[in-house]
Protein backbone atom coordinates (compact mmCIF):
# COMPACT_ATOMS: atom_id res chain seq x y z
CA MET A 1 -9.94 -2.18 -27.76
CA ASP A 2 -13.32 -3.27 -26.43
CA HIS A 3 -14.85 -2.17 -23.14
CA ARG A 4 -13.96 -5.36 -21.26
CA ALA A 5 -10.29 -5.04 -22.18
CA LEU A 6 -10.24 -1.38 -21.20
CA ALA A 7 -12.02 -2.16 -17.92
CA ALA A 8 -9.49 -4.92 -17.20
CA LEU A 9 -6.67 -2.47 -17.90
CA ILE A 10 -8.15 0.08 -15.48
CA ILE A 11 -8.46 -2.61 -12.80
CA ARG A 12 -4.87 -3.77 -13.36
CA VAL A 13 -3.54 -0.23 -13.03
CA ALA A 14 -5.52 0.24 -9.81
CA GLY A 15 -4.02 -2.99 -8.46
CA LEU A 16 -0.53 -1.85 -9.31
CA LEU A 17 -1.13 1.48 -7.57
CA ALA A 18 -2.43 -0.34 -4.49
CA ILE A 19 0.71 -2.49 -4.33
CA VAL A 20 3.06 0.48 -4.76
CA SER A 21 1.23 2.54 -2.13
CA ALA A 22 1.22 -0.36 0.34
CA ILE A 23 4.95 -0.78 -0.06
CA THR A 24 5.54 2.93 0.55
CA TYR A 25 3.32 2.83 3.67
CA ALA A 26 5.23 -0.19 4.99
CA THR A 27 7.80 2.05 6.66
CA LYS A 28 5.12 3.46 8.95
CA SER A 29 3.95 -0.02 9.87
CA PHE A 30 7.29 -1.60 10.64
CA GLY A 31 8.87 1.35 12.47
CA PRO A 32 7.52 0.41 15.93
CA PHE A 33 9.10 -3.06 15.69
CA PHE A 34 12.56 -1.49 15.94
CA VAL A 35 11.92 0.07 19.36
CA ALA A 36 12.25 -2.50 22.16
CA ASP A 37 9.78 -0.89 24.58
CA THR A 38 6.99 -0.66 22.04
CA ALA A 39 6.27 -4.38 21.84
CA GLN A 40 6.29 -4.69 25.63
CA LYS A 41 4.02 -1.73 26.31
CA VAL A 42 1.54 -2.05 23.49
CA GLY A 43 1.68 -5.74 22.72
CA VAL A 44 2.95 -7.64 19.75
CA GLU A 45 -0.61 -8.52 18.70
CA LEU A 46 -1.55 -4.89 18.08
CA LEU A 47 1.65 -4.25 16.17
CA LEU A 48 1.16 -7.33 14.00
CA ALA A 49 -2.50 -6.47 13.36
CA SER A 50 -1.55 -2.94 12.37
CA ALA A 51 1.16 -4.19 10.01
CA PHE A 52 -1.19 -6.80 8.55
CA VAL A 53 -4.01 -4.33 7.87
CA SER A 54 -1.79 -1.63 6.43
CA VAL A 55 0.59 -3.77 4.35
CA VAL A 56 -0.56 -7.35 3.72
CA ILE A 57 -4.22 -6.69 2.88
CA PRO A 58 -3.53 -3.92 0.30
CA ILE A 59 -0.78 -5.99 -1.35
CA ALA A 60 -3.07 -9.03 -1.51
CA LEU A 61 -5.91 -6.94 -2.92
CA GLY A 62 -3.53 -5.36 -5.44
CA LEU A 63 -2.32 -8.79 -6.56
CA VAL A 64 -5.93 -9.94 -7.03
CA LEU A 65 -6.66 -6.83 -9.11
CA VAL A 66 -3.51 -7.31 -11.21
CA TYR A 67 -3.85 -11.05 -11.85
CA PHE A 68 -7.65 -11.48 -12.09
CA PRO A 69 -9.08 -8.38 -13.82
CA GLY A 70 -11.09 -10.48 -16.27
CA MET A 71 -12.90 -12.30 -13.48
CA ILE A 72 -13.66 -9.00 -11.76
CA THR A 73 -15.11 -7.41 -14.89
CA THR A 74 -17.28 -10.41 -15.78
CA ARG A 75 -18.38 -11.77 -12.39
CA VAL A 76 -18.23 -8.85 -9.98
CA LEU A 77 -19.06 -5.89 -12.24
CA ARG A 78 -20.93 -7.94 -14.89
CA ILE A 79 -19.59 -6.07 -17.91
CA GLU A 80 -20.31 -7.69 -21.23
CA GLY A 81 -18.31 -7.05 -24.36
CA LEU A 82 -19.76 -3.83 -25.78
CA GLU A 83 -19.10 -2.16 -29.06
CA SER A 84 -17.69 1.33 -28.75
CA GLY A 85 -19.39 4.32 -30.20
CA SER A 86 -22.59 5.23 -28.41
CA GLU A 87 -22.92 7.24 -25.21
CA SER A 88 -24.83 4.47 -23.44
CA ASP A 89 -21.95 2.04 -24.00
CA THR A 90 -19.63 4.18 -21.90
CA LYS A 91 -21.82 3.70 -18.83
CA ALA A 92 -20.12 0.40 -18.15
CA LEU A 93 -16.68 2.00 -18.26
CA GLN A 94 -17.80 4.81 -15.99
CA ARG A 95 -19.12 2.25 -13.51
CA VAL A 96 -15.76 0.47 -13.55
CA ALA A 97 -13.93 3.75 -12.99
CA PHE A 98 -16.21 4.80 -10.12
CA THR A 99 -16.04 1.35 -8.54
CA THR A 100 -12.24 1.32 -8.77
CA ILE A 101 -11.91 4.78 -7.26
CA GLY A 102 -14.44 3.90 -4.56
CA LEU A 103 -12.56 0.72 -3.68
CA TRP A 104 -9.31 2.67 -3.57
CA LEU A 105 -10.71 5.38 -1.29
CA THR A 106 -12.46 2.90 1.01
CA LEU A 107 -9.40 0.70 1.40
CA TYR A 108 -7.07 3.55 2.21
CA ALA A 109 -9.56 5.20 4.56
CA VAL A 110 -9.66 2.00 6.61
CA ILE A 111 -5.88 1.69 6.51
CA ASP A 112 -5.42 5.30 7.63
CA ALA A 113 -7.98 4.91 10.42
CA VAL A 114 -6.19 1.82 11.73
CA TYR A 115 -2.89 3.68 11.54
CA PHE A 116 -4.19 6.67 13.51
CA TYR A 117 -5.90 4.41 16.06
CA SER A 118 -2.72 2.37 16.58
CA ARG A 119 -0.64 5.52 16.83
CA ALA A 120 -2.97 7.10 19.39
CA ARG A 121 -3.15 3.92 21.43
CA LEU A 122 0.64 3.65 21.45
CA TYR A 123 0.94 7.32 22.41
CA PHE A 124 -1.54 7.01 25.29
CA ARG A 125 0.07 3.80 26.51
CA PHE A 126 3.43 5.54 26.90
CA PHE A 127 1.84 8.40 28.85
CA GLN A 128 0.11 6.01 31.26
CA ASP A 129 3.49 4.72 32.38
CA MET A 130 4.78 8.21 33.22
CA PRO A 131 3.77 9.19 36.78
CA ALA A 132 4.57 12.89 36.25
CA TYR A 133 1.43 13.34 34.13
CA SER A 134 -1.82 13.33 36.07
CA LYS A 135 -4.03 13.17 33.01
CA LEU A 136 -3.53 12.16 29.41
CA PRO A 137 -2.98 14.92 26.86
CA PRO A 138 -5.69 15.33 24.22
CA LEU A 139 -5.46 13.84 20.77
CA SER A 140 -3.12 15.89 18.60
CA PRO A 141 -4.68 18.16 15.95
CA ASP A 142 -2.86 16.21 13.24
CA ASP A 143 -4.33 12.90 14.40
CA PHE A 144 -7.80 14.42 14.81
CA GLY A 145 -7.66 15.88 11.31
CA GLY A 146 -6.39 12.58 9.96
CA LEU A 147 -9.27 10.68 11.57
CA LEU A 148 -11.80 13.16 10.16
CA ALA A 149 -10.21 12.92 6.72
CA SER A 150 -10.30 9.13 6.91
CA GLY A 151 -13.98 9.21 7.86
CA LEU A 152 -14.86 11.52 4.98
CA GLN A 153 -12.76 9.44 2.60
CA LEU A 154 -14.59 6.30 3.77
CA ILE A 155 -17.99 7.90 3.18
CA ILE A 156 -17.03 9.08 -0.33
CA GLY A 157 -15.40 5.74 -1.15
CA LEU A 158 -18.43 3.71 -0.06
CA TRP A 159 -20.71 6.08 -1.95
CA LEU A 160 -18.71 5.56 -5.14
CA LEU A 161 -18.40 1.83 -4.52
CA ILE A 162 -22.05 1.13 -3.72
CA GLY A 163 -23.83 3.85 -5.69
CA ASN A 164 -21.82 3.80 -8.90
CA ARG A 165 -24.79 2.83 -11.09
CA ALA A 166 -26.93 5.70 -9.78
CA ILE A 167 -24.08 8.20 -10.13
CA VAL A 168 -23.49 7.18 -13.75
CA ASN A 169 -27.22 7.44 -14.53
CA VAL A 170 -27.38 10.95 -13.03
CA LEU A 171 -24.30 12.05 -14.98
CA THR A 172 -25.79 10.64 -18.19
CA ARG A 173 -29.03 12.57 -17.61
CA LEU A 174 -27.11 15.77 -16.87
CA ARG A 175 -25.13 15.46 -20.10
CA GLY A 176 -28.30 15.38 -22.09
């Protein structure tokens, strides 16, 4: 199996994982639609945008990765058909792996951030309508930790996505 075929296989598997994860996260996105007050208080636009970002975009990206891995390896990553054997030939595969992981982390960091933002906005909107509370409660520790984790995941994902060539070169130098 040459490097292009292996890179295409890695990209296809990443696309399949993105689709499966998006389907499992769909329950979080469509839950607010089943509560009548939610659409009135928050707005249907915010609910639809949240569902679109957390379900439709990852499924569409997963389908692109599954059905067009050859185009991604040749046009986006510019991987030529390499013969296996030498250490320098594996640089291209490492770049594909780091790019795929970086894309995965970046995509899900954005999805998680939108989820936490929508959840916090919905939470604060409900408290505004309750006259017994004079001020809004602070953000929950779980949401704060989730936002921090999403931010860190976004930084690492973008680093892997943008700096994959430099990372592979450093790892090659460290190996000898």
